[in-house]
Amino acid sequence: MSESIDVILVRHGRTAFNATGRIQGRIDNPLDDLGLEQANRVGRRLARDLAGHAILVHSPLLRARQTADIIAATSEKVSEIVIDPDWIELDYGTFDGLHQSEVDAKTWRNWRADPTFRPPGGESLVEVEDRVRLALDRLLGLGARSVIVVSHVSPIKAAVTLALGVNTEVVWRTRLDTASICRLSLSSESRSLTGFNETGHLDDPPYVSHG
């Protein structure tokens, strides 16, 4: 059996859109003040968790890059940083920037019932899952025993459904908080979920800079 790697999936810290319930998608918002603090707490948690060096992979969007940079600065165990566009958030098309309440109830029902549903000008959950499947395969070629991936709600949930071997619709029955951690064990022959929506680190004492 092939050797497995540990994959740590981190959702980026909070943005102003997250705080107000707006659909974010490809809108390139920065972290807000709480999001920056959340990223620090993730970094300190992973610095304790990692037994050895890890490669850090992140989405090209600013909120993911900021989270990744803070994790790397907080932990001396990050040996390399890689940008992978397949970890970018779902493209919500014309829904981007809307408050969730501005999308009518019938559209939400159709979306939940059909994983091939595509927002106007956007992409479907099935399409997200297809690119995340390729992204997971690429992690195996990085040559690291541990990989940290900083991404977004939809790609992380897609990675989880792939690990569990369940239908895409399961994403609607799961919750993923900002700056949460999920964990996978990944090999060329198998995938398994070892942790989901971990948030205990967000209750740690606030980070205080002495410099």
N, C-alpha and C. Protein backbone atom coordinates (compact mmCIF):
# COMPACT_ATOMS: atom_id res chain seq x y z
N MET A 1 0.85 -1.20 0.00
CA MET A 1 0.00 0.00 0.00
C MET A 1 0.88 1.24 0.00
N SER A 2 0.48 2.27 -0.78
CA SER A 2 1.30 3.46 -0.89
C SER A 2 1.26 4.28 0.41
N GLU A 3 2.32 5.05 0.64
CA GLU A 3 2.43 5.84 1.86
C GLU A 3 1.47 7.03 1.79
N SER A 4 0.82 7.33 2.91
CA SER A 4 -0.14 8.43 2.94
C SER A 4 0.52 9.72 3.42
N ILE A 5 -0.12 10.84 3.09
CA ILE A 5 0.32 12.13 3.58
C ILE A 5 -0.81 12.75 4.40
N ASP A 6 -0.44 13.62 5.32
CA ASP A 6 -1.42 14.35 6.11
C ASP A 6 -1.73 15.67 5.42
N VAL A 7 -2.99 15.91 5.15
CA VAL A 7 -3.43 17.15 4.51
C VAL A 7 -4.26 17.95 5.51
N ILE A 8 -3.83 19.17 5.78
CA ILE A 8 -4.54 20.06 6.70
C ILE A 8 -5.21 21.14 5.88
N LEU A 9 -6.53 21.13 5.86
CA LEU A 9 -7.32 22.08 5.08
C LEU A 9 -7.77 23.22 5.97
N VAL A 10 -7.38 24.44 5.63
CA VAL A 10 -7.70 25.61 6.44
C VAL A 10 -8.59 26.55 5.64
N ARG A 11 -9.75 26.87 6.19
CA ARG A 11 -10.54 27.93 5.58
C ARG A 11 -9.93 29.27 6.00
N HIS A 12 -9.87 30.21 5.08
CA HIS A 12 -9.29 31.54 5.36
C HIS A 12 -10.01 32.22 6.53
N GLY A 13 -9.37 33.22 7.10
CA GLY A 13 -9.98 34.00 8.16
C GLY A 13 -11.13 34.86 7.65
N ARG A 14 -11.80 35.51 8.57
CA ARG A 14 -13.02 36.25 8.25
C ARG A 14 -12.74 37.50 7.43
N THR A 15 -13.68 37.83 6.54
CA THR A 15 -13.68 39.09 5.81
C THR A 15 -14.94 39.86 6.17
N ALA A 16 -15.04 41.10 5.71
CA ALA A 16 -16.24 41.89 5.97
C ALA A 16 -17.47 41.25 5.34
N PHE A 17 -17.30 40.62 4.16
CA PHE A 17 -18.43 39.94 3.52
C PHE A 17 -18.89 38.75 4.35
N ASN A 18 -17.94 37.98 4.90
CA ASN A 18 -18.30 36.87 5.77
C ASN A 18 -19.12 37.37 6.96
N ALA A 19 -18.69 38.50 7.52
CA ALA A 19 -19.33 39.02 8.73
C ALA A 19 -20.76 39.49 8.47
N THR A 20 -21.06 39.90 7.22
CA THR A 20 -22.37 40.47 6.93
C THR A 20 -23.25 39.55 6.09
N GLY A 21 -22.78 38.31 5.81
CA GLY A 21 -23.61 37.34 5.12
C GLY A 21 -23.74 37.57 3.62
N ARG A 22 -22.71 38.20 3.03
CA ARG A 22 -22.72 38.43 1.59
C ARG A 22 -21.97 37.31 0.88
N ILE A 23 -22.43 36.99 -0.33
CA ILE A 23 -21.78 35.96 -1.15
C ILE A 23 -20.47 36.54 -1.69
N GLN A 24 -19.38 35.83 -1.48
CA GLN A 24 -18.06 36.39 -1.76
C GLN A 24 -17.45 35.83 -3.05
N GLY A 25 -17.41 34.52 -3.18
CA GLY A 25 -16.90 33.92 -4.40
C GLY A 25 -15.55 34.42 -4.83
N ARG A 26 -15.49 34.98 -6.04
CA ARG A 26 -14.22 35.44 -6.60
C ARG A 26 -13.92 36.91 -6.27
N ILE A 27 -14.81 37.59 -5.54
CA ILE A 27 -14.51 38.95 -5.11
C ILE A 27 -13.30 38.90 -4.18
N ASP A 28 -12.31 39.73 -4.46
CA ASP A 28 -11.01 39.57 -3.81
C ASP A 28 -10.87 40.44 -2.57
N ASN A 29 -11.66 40.14 -1.55
CA ASN A 29 -11.64 40.92 -0.32
C ASN A 29 -10.49 40.53 0.60
N PRO A 30 -9.97 41.50 1.38
CA PRO A 30 -8.96 41.18 2.38
C PRO A 30 -9.61 40.67 3.66
N LEU A 31 -8.80 40.12 4.55
CA LEU A 31 -9.28 39.76 5.88
C LEU A 31 -9.63 41.02 6.66
N ASP A 32 -10.64 40.93 7.52
CA ASP A 32 -10.89 42.03 8.45
C ASP A 32 -10.02 41.82 9.68
N ASP A 33 -10.17 42.69 10.68
CA ASP A 33 -9.29 42.61 11.86
C ASP A 33 -9.44 41.26 12.58
N LEU A 34 -10.68 40.78 12.70
CA LEU A 34 -10.87 39.47 13.33
C LEU A 34 -10.25 38.38 12.48
N GLY A 35 -10.38 38.48 11.16
CA GLY A 35 -9.79 37.48 10.28
C GLY A 35 -8.28 37.39 10.41
N LEU A 36 -7.63 38.53 10.59
CA LEU A 36 -6.17 38.53 10.79
C LEU A 36 -5.82 37.83 12.09
N GLU A 37 -6.60 38.09 13.14
CA GLU A 37 -6.35 37.43 14.42
C GLU A 37 -6.63 35.94 14.31
N GLN A 38 -7.69 35.57 13.60
CA GLN A 38 -7.98 34.14 13.41
C GLN A 38 -6.82 33.44 12.71
N ALA A 39 -6.26 34.08 11.70
CA ALA A 39 -5.13 33.48 10.97
C ALA A 39 -3.93 33.26 11.89
N ASN A 40 -3.69 34.21 12.79
CA ASN A 40 -2.62 34.04 13.78
C ASN A 40 -2.88 32.83 14.66
N ARG A 41 -4.10 32.64 15.07
CA ARG A 41 -4.42 31.51 15.96
C ARG A 41 -4.29 30.18 15.22
N VAL A 42 -4.69 30.16 13.93
CA VAL A 42 -4.47 28.95 13.14
C VAL A 42 -2.97 28.65 13.05
N GLY A 43 -2.18 29.67 12.76
CA GLY A 43 -0.74 29.46 12.64
C GLY A 43 -0.11 28.91 13.91
N ARG A 44 -0.53 29.44 15.05
CA ARG A 44 0.02 28.95 16.31
C ARG A 44 -0.41 27.52 16.60
N ARG A 45 -1.65 27.19 16.23
CA ARG A 45 -2.12 25.82 16.42
C ARG A 45 -1.32 24.85 15.55
N LEU A 46 -1.11 25.20 14.28
CA LEU A 46 -0.39 24.30 13.38
C LEU A 46 1.08 24.20 13.76
N ALA A 47 1.64 25.26 14.31
CA ALA A 47 3.03 25.20 14.77
C ALA A 47 3.19 24.14 15.85
N ARG A 48 2.14 23.97 16.66
CA ARG A 48 2.17 22.94 17.71
C ARG A 48 1.89 21.55 17.13
N ASP A 49 1.02 21.51 16.14
CA ASP A 49 0.56 20.21 15.61
C ASP A 49 1.59 19.50 14.75
N LEU A 50 2.32 20.26 13.96
CA LEU A 50 3.19 19.66 12.95
C LEU A 50 4.43 19.03 13.59
N ALA A 51 4.66 17.78 13.26
CA ALA A 51 5.84 17.09 13.79
C ALA A 51 7.10 17.45 12.99
N GLY A 52 6.93 17.75 11.72
CA GLY A 52 8.05 18.11 10.85
C GLY A 52 7.65 19.21 9.90
N HIS A 53 8.45 19.40 8.87
CA HIS A 53 8.18 20.47 7.91
C HIS A 53 6.98 20.14 7.03
N ALA A 54 6.32 21.18 6.56
CA ALA A 54 5.15 21.03 5.70
C ALA A 54 5.24 22.01 4.53
N ILE A 55 4.66 21.62 3.41
CA ILE A 55 4.48 22.53 2.29
C ILE A 55 3.12 23.18 2.43
N LEU A 56 3.04 24.47 2.14
CA LEU A 56 1.80 25.21 2.26
C LEU A 56 1.31 25.57 0.85
N VAL A 57 0.08 25.18 0.55
CA VAL A 57 -0.56 25.45 -0.74
C VAL A 57 -1.74 26.38 -0.48
N HIS A 58 -1.92 27.41 -1.35
CA HIS A 58 -3.08 28.27 -1.11
C HIS A 58 -3.71 28.74 -2.41
N SER A 59 -4.97 29.12 -2.28
CA SER A 59 -5.74 29.74 -3.36
C SER A 59 -5.11 31.08 -3.72
N PRO A 60 -5.29 31.55 -4.96
CA PRO A 60 -4.71 32.83 -5.34
C PRO A 60 -5.45 34.05 -4.79
N LEU A 61 -6.63 33.87 -4.19
CA LEU A 61 -7.38 35.02 -3.69
C LEU A 61 -6.72 35.62 -2.45
N LEU A 62 -6.86 36.94 -2.29
CA LEU A 62 -6.16 37.69 -1.25
C LEU A 62 -6.43 37.15 0.15
N ARG A 63 -7.68 36.84 0.46
CA ARG A 63 -7.99 36.39 1.82
C ARG A 63 -7.31 35.08 2.16
N ALA A 64 -7.13 34.22 1.16
CA ALA A 64 -6.40 32.97 1.38
C ALA A 64 -4.89 33.24 1.48
N ARG A 65 -4.41 34.13 0.62
CA ARG A 65 -2.97 34.44 0.64
C ARG A 65 -2.57 35.08 1.97
N GLN A 66 -3.39 36.00 2.47
CA GLN A 66 -3.08 36.63 3.75
C GLN A 66 -3.05 35.59 4.87
N THR A 67 -4.03 34.71 4.88
CA THR A 67 -4.07 33.65 5.90
C THR A 67 -2.84 32.76 5.79
N ALA A 68 -2.48 32.38 4.57
CA ALA A 68 -1.31 31.52 4.36
C ALA A 68 -0.03 32.21 4.79
N ASP A 69 0.12 33.49 4.46
CA ASP A 69 1.34 34.22 4.83
C ASP A 69 1.49 34.30 6.35
N ILE A 70 0.38 34.51 7.05
CA ILE A 70 0.44 34.59 8.51
C ILE A 70 0.79 33.22 9.10
N ILE A 71 0.21 32.15 8.55
CA ILE A 71 0.55 30.81 9.02
C ILE A 71 2.04 30.54 8.82
N ALA A 72 2.56 30.89 7.65
CA ALA A 72 3.98 30.66 7.36
C ALA A 72 4.88 31.48 8.28
N ALA A 73 4.47 32.72 8.58
CA ALA A 73 5.27 33.57 9.45
C ALA A 73 5.23 33.11 10.90
N THR A 74 4.13 32.45 11.27
CA THR A 74 3.95 32.00 12.65
C THR A 74 4.67 30.68 12.92
N SER A 75 4.82 29.88 11.88
CA SER A 75 5.43 28.56 12.05
C SER A 75 6.69 28.42 11.23
N GLU A 76 7.78 28.04 11.88
CA GLU A 76 9.04 27.81 11.17
C GLU A 76 9.02 26.48 10.42
N LYS A 77 7.93 25.74 10.53
CA LYS A 77 7.86 24.41 9.91
C LYS A 77 7.36 24.44 8.47
N VAL A 78 6.96 25.61 7.97
CA VAL A 78 6.56 25.72 6.57
C VAL A 78 7.81 25.86 5.71
N SER A 79 8.05 24.87 4.86
CA SER A 79 9.29 24.84 4.08
C SER A 79 9.14 25.42 2.69
N GLU A 80 7.91 25.52 2.19
CA GLU A 80 7.68 25.99 0.82
C GLU A 80 6.23 26.45 0.70
N ILE A 81 6.00 27.47 -0.13
CA ILE A 81 4.65 27.96 -0.38
C ILE A 81 4.34 27.85 -1.87
N VAL A 82 3.18 27.27 -2.19
CA VAL A 82 2.76 27.04 -3.57
C VAL A 82 1.37 27.62 -3.77
N ILE A 83 1.15 28.33 -4.88
CA ILE A 83 -0.18 28.82 -5.24
C ILE A 83 -0.80 27.85 -6.23
N ASP A 84 -2.00 27.39 -5.94
CA ASP A 84 -2.70 26.47 -6.84
C ASP A 84 -4.09 27.03 -7.14
N PRO A 85 -4.34 27.49 -8.37
CA PRO A 85 -5.63 28.10 -8.70
C PRO A 85 -6.83 27.17 -8.58
N ASP A 86 -6.60 25.87 -8.54
CA ASP A 86 -7.72 24.95 -8.41
C ASP A 86 -8.33 24.96 -7.01
N TRP A 87 -7.67 25.62 -6.06
CA TRP A 87 -8.23 25.76 -4.71
C TRP A 87 -9.01 27.06 -4.54
N ILE A 88 -9.24 27.79 -5.65
CA ILE A 88 -10.00 29.04 -5.57
C ILE A 88 -11.47 28.74 -5.25
N GLU A 89 -12.15 29.76 -4.72
CA GLU A 89 -13.55 29.58 -4.35
C GLU A 89 -14.44 29.36 -5.58
N LEU A 90 -15.60 28.74 -5.34
CA LEU A 90 -16.61 28.57 -6.37
C LEU A 90 -16.92 29.92 -7.01
N ASP A 91 -17.10 29.93 -8.32
CA ASP A 91 -17.48 31.14 -9.04
C ASP A 91 -18.99 31.29 -8.96
N TYR A 92 -19.45 32.29 -8.22
CA TYR A 92 -20.88 32.51 -8.04
C TYR A 92 -21.49 33.37 -9.15
N GLY A 93 -20.69 33.77 -10.12
CA GLY A 93 -21.21 34.53 -11.24
C GLY A 93 -21.91 35.80 -10.81
N THR A 94 -23.14 36.00 -11.30
CA THR A 94 -23.88 37.24 -10.99
C THR A 94 -24.36 37.29 -9.54
N PHE A 95 -24.26 36.18 -8.82
CA PHE A 95 -24.64 36.20 -7.40
C PHE A 95 -23.55 36.81 -6.52
N ASP A 96 -22.34 36.93 -7.05
CA ASP A 96 -21.23 37.47 -6.26
C ASP A 96 -21.56 38.88 -5.76
N GLY A 97 -21.37 39.08 -4.47
CA GLY A 97 -21.62 40.38 -3.86
C GLY A 97 -23.01 40.55 -3.29
N LEU A 98 -23.93 39.65 -3.67
CA LEU A 98 -25.29 39.73 -3.13
C LEU A 98 -25.32 39.26 -1.68
N HIS A 99 -26.27 39.82 -0.91
CA HIS A 99 -26.54 39.23 0.40
C HIS A 99 -27.27 37.91 0.15
N GLN A 100 -27.04 36.93 1.01
CA GLN A 100 -27.67 35.62 0.81
C GLN A 100 -29.19 35.73 0.71
N SER A 101 -29.77 36.70 1.42
CA SER A 101 -31.23 36.87 1.41
C SER A 101 -31.74 37.42 0.08
N GLU A 102 -30.83 37.94 -0.76
CA GLU A 102 -31.24 38.49 -2.06
C GLU A 102 -31.40 37.41 -3.13
N VAL A 103 -30.97 36.19 -2.84
CA VAL A 103 -31.19 35.06 -3.75
C VAL A 103 -32.51 34.43 -3.36
N ASP A 104 -33.45 34.31 -4.29
CA ASP A 104 -34.79 33.87 -3.94
C ASP A 104 -34.82 32.41 -3.49
N ALA A 105 -35.85 32.07 -2.73
CA ALA A 105 -35.97 30.75 -2.10
C ALA A 105 -36.01 29.63 -3.14
N LYS A 106 -36.68 29.86 -4.26
CA LYS A 106 -36.76 28.82 -5.29
C LYS A 106 -35.37 28.49 -5.85
N THR A 107 -34.56 29.51 -6.06
CA THR A 107 -33.20 29.28 -6.55
C THR A 107 -32.40 28.46 -5.56
N TRP A 108 -32.51 28.79 -4.27
CA TRP A 108 -31.80 28.01 -3.25
C TRP A 108 -32.26 26.56 -3.27
N ARG A 109 -33.56 26.32 -3.41
CA ARG A 109 -34.08 24.95 -3.44
C ARG A 109 -33.51 24.19 -4.64
N ASN A 110 -33.51 24.83 -5.79
CA ASN A 110 -32.97 24.19 -6.99
C ASN A 110 -31.49 23.88 -6.84
N TRP A 111 -30.78 24.82 -6.23
CA TRP A 111 -29.34 24.67 -6.02
C TRP A 111 -29.04 23.50 -5.11
N ARG A 112 -29.79 23.39 -4.04
CA ARG A 112 -29.59 22.31 -3.09
C ARG A 112 -29.95 20.94 -3.67
N ALA A 113 -30.91 20.93 -4.58
CA ALA A 113 -31.38 19.66 -5.14
C ALA A 113 -30.54 19.17 -6.32
N ASP A 114 -29.79 20.07 -6.95
CA ASP A 114 -29.09 19.73 -8.19
C ASP A 114 -27.64 20.18 -8.13
N PRO A 115 -26.68 19.24 -7.94
CA PRO A 115 -25.26 19.63 -7.85
C PRO A 115 -24.69 20.16 -9.16
N THR A 116 -25.44 20.00 -10.27
CA THR A 116 -24.99 20.56 -11.55
C THR A 116 -25.53 21.97 -11.76
N PHE A 117 -26.33 22.47 -10.82
CA PHE A 117 -26.86 23.84 -10.93
C PHE A 117 -25.70 24.83 -10.99
N ARG A 118 -25.80 25.76 -11.94
CA ARG A 118 -24.74 26.75 -12.12
C ARG A 118 -25.33 28.14 -12.00
N PRO A 119 -24.87 28.96 -11.04
CA PRO A 119 -25.34 30.35 -11.00
C PRO A 119 -25.03 31.03 -12.34
N PRO A 120 -25.83 31.99 -12.75
CA PRO A 120 -25.58 32.67 -14.02
C PRO A 120 -24.15 33.20 -14.11
N GLY A 121 -23.40 32.72 -15.09
CA GLY A 121 -22.01 33.15 -15.25
C GLY A 121 -21.04 32.49 -14.30
N GLY A 122 -21.50 31.51 -13.53
CA GLY A 122 -20.63 30.88 -12.53
C GLY A 122 -20.34 29.43 -12.82
N GLU A 123 -20.10 28.65 -11.75
CA GLU A 123 -19.79 27.23 -11.91
C GLU A 123 -20.60 26.41 -10.91
N SER A 124 -20.69 25.13 -11.18
CA SER A 124 -21.48 24.23 -10.33
C SER A 124 -20.60 23.57 -9.27
N LEU A 125 -21.26 22.95 -8.30
CA LEU A 125 -20.53 22.20 -7.27
C LEU A 125 -19.79 21.01 -7.88
N VAL A 126 -20.37 20.40 -8.90
CA VAL A 126 -19.71 19.28 -9.58
C VAL A 126 -18.41 19.75 -10.24
N GLU A 127 -18.44 20.94 -10.83
CA GLU A 127 -17.23 21.48 -11.46
C GLU A 127 -16.16 21.79 -10.42
N VAL A 128 -16.57 22.29 -9.26
CA VAL A 128 -15.61 22.52 -8.18
C VAL A 128 -14.99 21.20 -7.74
N GLU A 129 -15.82 20.19 -7.57
CA GLU A 129 -15.33 18.88 -7.15
C GLU A 129 -14.34 18.31 -8.17
N ASP A 130 -14.60 18.49 -9.46
CA ASP A 130 -13.71 17.98 -10.49
C ASP A 130 -12.31 18.60 -10.38
N ARG A 131 -12.26 19.92 -10.16
CA ARG A 131 -10.93 20.54 -10.07
C ARG A 131 -10.23 20.24 -8.75
N VAL A 132 -11.01 20.08 -7.69
CA VAL A 132 -10.40 19.73 -6.40
C VAL A 132 -9.84 18.31 -6.44
N ARG A 133 -10.49 17.43 -7.16
CA ARG A 133 -9.97 16.06 -7.33
C ARG A 133 -8.56 16.11 -7.94
N LEU A 134 -8.37 16.94 -8.94
CA LEU A 134 -7.06 17.10 -9.56
C LEU A 134 -6.06 17.74 -8.59
N ALA A 135 -6.54 18.72 -7.83
CA ALA A 135 -5.67 19.40 -6.87
C ALA A 135 -5.19 18.44 -5.79
N LEU A 136 -6.06 17.56 -5.32
CA LEU A 136 -5.65 16.57 -4.32
C LEU A 136 -4.60 15.63 -4.89
N ASP A 137 -4.78 15.22 -6.14
CA ASP A 137 -3.79 14.34 -6.76
C ASP A 137 -2.42 15.02 -6.84
N ARG A 138 -2.42 16.33 -7.11
CA ARG A 138 -1.15 17.05 -7.19
C ARG A 138 -0.43 17.12 -5.84
N LEU A 139 -1.20 17.12 -4.75
CA LEU A 139 -0.56 17.17 -3.43
C LEU A 139 0.36 15.97 -3.22
N LEU A 140 -0.03 14.84 -3.78
CA LEU A 140 0.78 13.63 -3.61
C LEU A 140 2.14 13.75 -4.29
N GLY A 141 2.23 14.63 -5.28
CA GLY A 141 3.48 14.78 -6.00
C GLY A 141 4.42 15.83 -5.42
N LEU A 142 4.03 16.44 -4.30
CA LEU A 142 4.86 17.49 -3.71
C LEU A 142 6.03 16.95 -2.91
N GLY A 143 5.98 15.66 -2.56
CA GLY A 143 7.09 15.06 -1.83
C GLY A 143 7.16 15.43 -0.36
N ALA A 144 6.02 15.80 0.23
CA ALA A 144 5.98 16.17 1.65
C ALA A 144 5.08 15.20 2.41
N ARG A 145 5.42 14.97 3.67
CA ARG A 145 4.57 14.13 4.51
C ARG A 145 3.36 14.89 5.02
N SER A 146 3.50 16.23 5.11
CA SER A 146 2.39 17.07 5.57
C SER A 146 2.22 18.24 4.60
N VAL A 147 0.97 18.53 4.27
CA VAL A 147 0.65 19.66 3.39
C VAL A 147 -0.48 20.45 4.02
N ILE A 148 -0.30 21.76 4.11
CA ILE A 148 -1.34 22.67 4.56
C ILE A 148 -1.96 23.32 3.33
N VAL A 149 -3.28 23.29 3.22
CA VAL A 149 -3.98 23.93 2.10
C VAL A 149 -4.89 25.01 2.67
N VAL A 150 -4.68 26.26 2.24
CA VAL A 150 -5.55 27.36 2.66
C VAL A 150 -6.49 27.68 1.51
N SER A 151 -7.77 27.49 1.76
CA SER A 151 -8.75 27.60 0.67
C SER A 151 -10.05 28.20 1.19
N HIS A 152 -11.16 27.77 0.62
CA HIS A 152 -12.46 28.37 0.83
C HIS A 152 -13.51 27.29 1.11
N VAL A 153 -14.72 27.73 1.44
CA VAL A 153 -15.78 26.80 1.82
C VAL A 153 -15.99 25.69 0.79
N SER A 154 -16.28 26.08 -0.45
CA SER A 154 -16.69 25.08 -1.44
C SER A 154 -15.59 24.09 -1.80
N PRO A 155 -14.35 24.53 -2.06
CA PRO A 155 -13.29 23.55 -2.35
C PRO A 155 -12.98 22.63 -1.17
N ILE A 156 -13.00 23.17 0.04
CA ILE A 156 -12.71 22.32 1.20
C ILE A 156 -13.83 21.28 1.38
N LYS A 157 -15.07 21.72 1.25
CA LYS A 157 -16.17 20.75 1.34
C LYS A 157 -16.08 19.71 0.23
N ALA A 158 -15.65 20.12 -0.97
CA ALA A 158 -15.48 19.16 -2.06
C ALA A 158 -14.41 18.13 -1.70
N ALA A 159 -13.32 18.56 -1.09
CA ALA A 159 -12.26 17.63 -0.68
C ALA A 159 -12.80 16.64 0.35
N VAL A 160 -13.67 17.12 1.24
CA VAL A 160 -14.26 16.25 2.25
C VAL A 160 -15.18 15.21 1.61
N THR A 161 -16.04 15.64 0.68
CA THR A 161 -16.94 14.67 0.04
C THR A 161 -16.15 13.65 -0.77
N LEU A 162 -15.06 14.06 -1.38
CA LEU A 162 -14.21 13.12 -2.12
C LEU A 162 -13.56 12.11 -1.17
N ALA A 163 -13.12 12.60 0.00
CA ALA A 163 -12.51 11.70 0.98
C ALA A 163 -13.52 10.68 1.50
N LEU A 164 -14.75 11.12 1.68
CA LEU A 164 -15.78 10.23 2.21
C LEU A 164 -16.43 9.36 1.14
N GLY A 165 -16.25 9.74 -0.13
CA GLY A 165 -16.87 8.99 -1.21
C GLY A 165 -18.39 9.13 -1.22
N VAL A 166 -18.89 10.33 -0.87
CA VAL A 166 -20.33 10.56 -0.81
C VAL A 166 -20.74 11.53 -1.91
N ASN A 167 -22.06 11.65 -2.11
CA ASN A 167 -22.57 12.53 -3.14
C ASN A 167 -22.30 13.99 -2.82
N THR A 168 -22.16 14.77 -3.88
CA THR A 168 -21.84 16.20 -3.74
C THR A 168 -22.85 16.95 -2.89
N GLU A 169 -24.12 16.53 -2.92
CA GLU A 169 -25.17 17.25 -2.19
C GLU A 169 -24.91 17.32 -0.68
N VAL A 170 -24.03 16.47 -0.17
CA VAL A 170 -23.74 16.46 1.27
C VAL A 170 -23.19 17.82 1.72
N VAL A 171 -22.60 18.60 0.81
CA VAL A 171 -22.02 19.88 1.22
C VAL A 171 -23.06 20.79 1.87
N TRP A 172 -24.33 20.65 1.49
CA TRP A 172 -25.37 21.50 2.07
C TRP A 172 -25.71 21.09 3.50
N ARG A 173 -25.24 19.93 3.93
CA ARG A 173 -25.55 19.44 5.28
C ARG A 173 -24.36 19.57 6.21
N THR A 174 -23.38 20.34 5.79
CA THR A 174 -22.18 20.54 6.61
C THR A 174 -21.93 22.03 6.82
N ARG A 175 -21.29 22.34 7.93
CA ARG A 175 -20.95 23.73 8.26
C ARG A 175 -19.44 23.84 8.38
N LEU A 176 -18.91 24.91 7.81
CA LEU A 176 -17.47 25.13 7.85
C LEU A 176 -17.22 26.59 8.24
N ASP A 177 -16.70 26.79 9.44
CA ASP A 177 -16.49 28.15 9.95
C ASP A 177 -15.22 28.78 9.38
N THR A 178 -15.17 30.12 9.43
CA THR A 178 -13.94 30.80 9.02
C THR A 178 -12.80 30.38 9.94
N ALA A 179 -11.63 30.21 9.35
CA ALA A 179 -10.41 29.82 10.06
C ALA A 179 -10.51 28.46 10.73
N SER A 180 -11.43 27.63 10.26
CA SER A 180 -11.54 26.26 10.78
C SER A 180 -10.52 25.35 10.10
N ILE A 181 -10.31 24.19 10.70
CA ILE A 181 -9.34 23.21 10.20
C ILE A 181 -10.04 21.88 9.94
N CYS A 182 -9.80 21.31 8.77
CA CYS A 182 -10.20 19.93 8.47
C CYS A 182 -8.94 19.14 8.16
N ARG A 183 -9.00 17.83 8.33
CA ARG A 183 -7.81 17.00 8.12
C ARG A 183 -8.15 15.77 7.29
N LEU A 184 -7.27 15.45 6.36
CA LEU A 184 -7.41 14.26 5.53
C LEU A 184 -6.14 13.42 5.61
N SER A 185 -6.29 12.13 5.44
CA SER A 185 -5.18 11.23 5.17
C SER A 185 -5.31 10.83 3.71
N LEU A 186 -4.25 11.07 2.94
CA LEU A 186 -4.35 10.95 1.49
C LEU A 186 -3.21 10.09 0.94
N SER A 187 -3.57 9.13 0.08
CA SER A 187 -2.57 8.36 -0.64
C SER A 187 -3.07 8.15 -2.06
N SER A 188 -2.26 7.52 -2.91
CA SER A 188 -2.69 7.26 -4.28
C SER A 188 -3.80 6.22 -4.33
N GLU A 189 -3.99 5.48 -3.24
CA GLU A 189 -4.97 4.41 -3.22
C GLU A 189 -6.20 4.70 -2.36
N SER A 190 -6.09 5.67 -1.47
CA SER A 190 -7.21 5.91 -0.55
C SER A 190 -7.23 7.35 -0.06
N ARG A 191 -8.42 7.76 0.39
CA ARG A 191 -8.61 9.05 1.04
C ARG A 191 -9.49 8.84 2.26
N SER A 192 -9.18 9.51 3.35
CA SER A 192 -10.06 9.41 4.52
C SER A 192 -10.07 10.74 5.26
N LEU A 193 -11.20 11.02 5.90
CA LEU A 193 -11.38 12.23 6.70
C LEU A 193 -10.98 11.94 8.13
N THR A 194 -10.08 12.74 8.69
CA THR A 194 -9.62 12.51 10.06
C THR A 194 -9.98 13.66 11.00
N GLY A 195 -10.51 14.75 10.46
CA GLY A 195 -10.94 15.87 11.31
C GLY A 195 -11.78 16.84 10.51
N PHE A 196 -12.81 17.43 11.14
CA PHE A 196 -13.69 18.33 10.39
C PHE A 196 -14.11 19.54 11.23
N ASN A 197 -13.98 20.72 10.65
CA ASN A 197 -14.43 21.99 11.24
C ASN A 197 -13.91 22.18 12.66
N GLU A 198 -12.63 21.93 12.85
CA GLU A 198 -12.01 22.18 14.16
C GLU A 198 -11.90 23.69 14.38
N THR A 199 -12.39 24.15 15.53
CA THR A 199 -12.36 25.59 15.82
C THR A 199 -11.86 25.90 17.23
N GLY A 200 -11.42 24.88 17.97
CA GLY A 200 -10.98 25.11 19.34
C GLY A 200 -9.86 26.13 19.45
N HIS A 201 -8.99 26.18 18.43
CA HIS A 201 -7.86 27.12 18.46
C HIS A 201 -8.32 28.58 18.44
N LEU A 202 -9.54 28.82 17.96
CA LEU A 202 -10.04 30.19 17.89
C LEU A 202 -10.41 30.73 19.27
N ASP A 203 -10.44 29.85 20.27
CA ASP A 203 -10.71 30.27 21.64
C ASP A 203 -9.43 30.52 22.42
N ASP A 204 -8.27 30.35 21.77
CA ASP A 204 -6.99 30.63 22.42
C ASP A 204 -6.91 32.10 22.82
N PRO A 205 -6.03 32.44 23.76
CA PRO A 205 -5.84 33.86 24.12
C PRO A 205 -5.42 34.66 22.89
N PRO A 206 -5.78 35.94 22.83
CA PRO A 206 -5.41 36.76 21.67
C PRO A 206 -3.91 36.84 21.47
N TYR A 207 -3.52 36.98 20.23
CA TYR A 207 -2.10 37.15 19.89
C TYR A 207 -1.67 38.57 20.24
N VAL A 208 -0.56 38.71 20.94
CA VAL A 208 -0.03 40.03 21.30
C VAL A 208 1.38 40.15 20.75
N SER A 209 1.61 41.15 19.91
CA SER A 209 2.94 41.36 19.33
C SER A 209 3.80 42.13 20.33
N HIS A 210 5.04 41.67 20.50
CA HIS A 210 5.98 42.36 21.38
C HIS A 210 7.07 43.06 20.58
N GLY A 211 6.89 43.13 19.26
CA GLY A 211 7.90 43.75 18.42
C GLY A 211 7.44 45.07 17.84
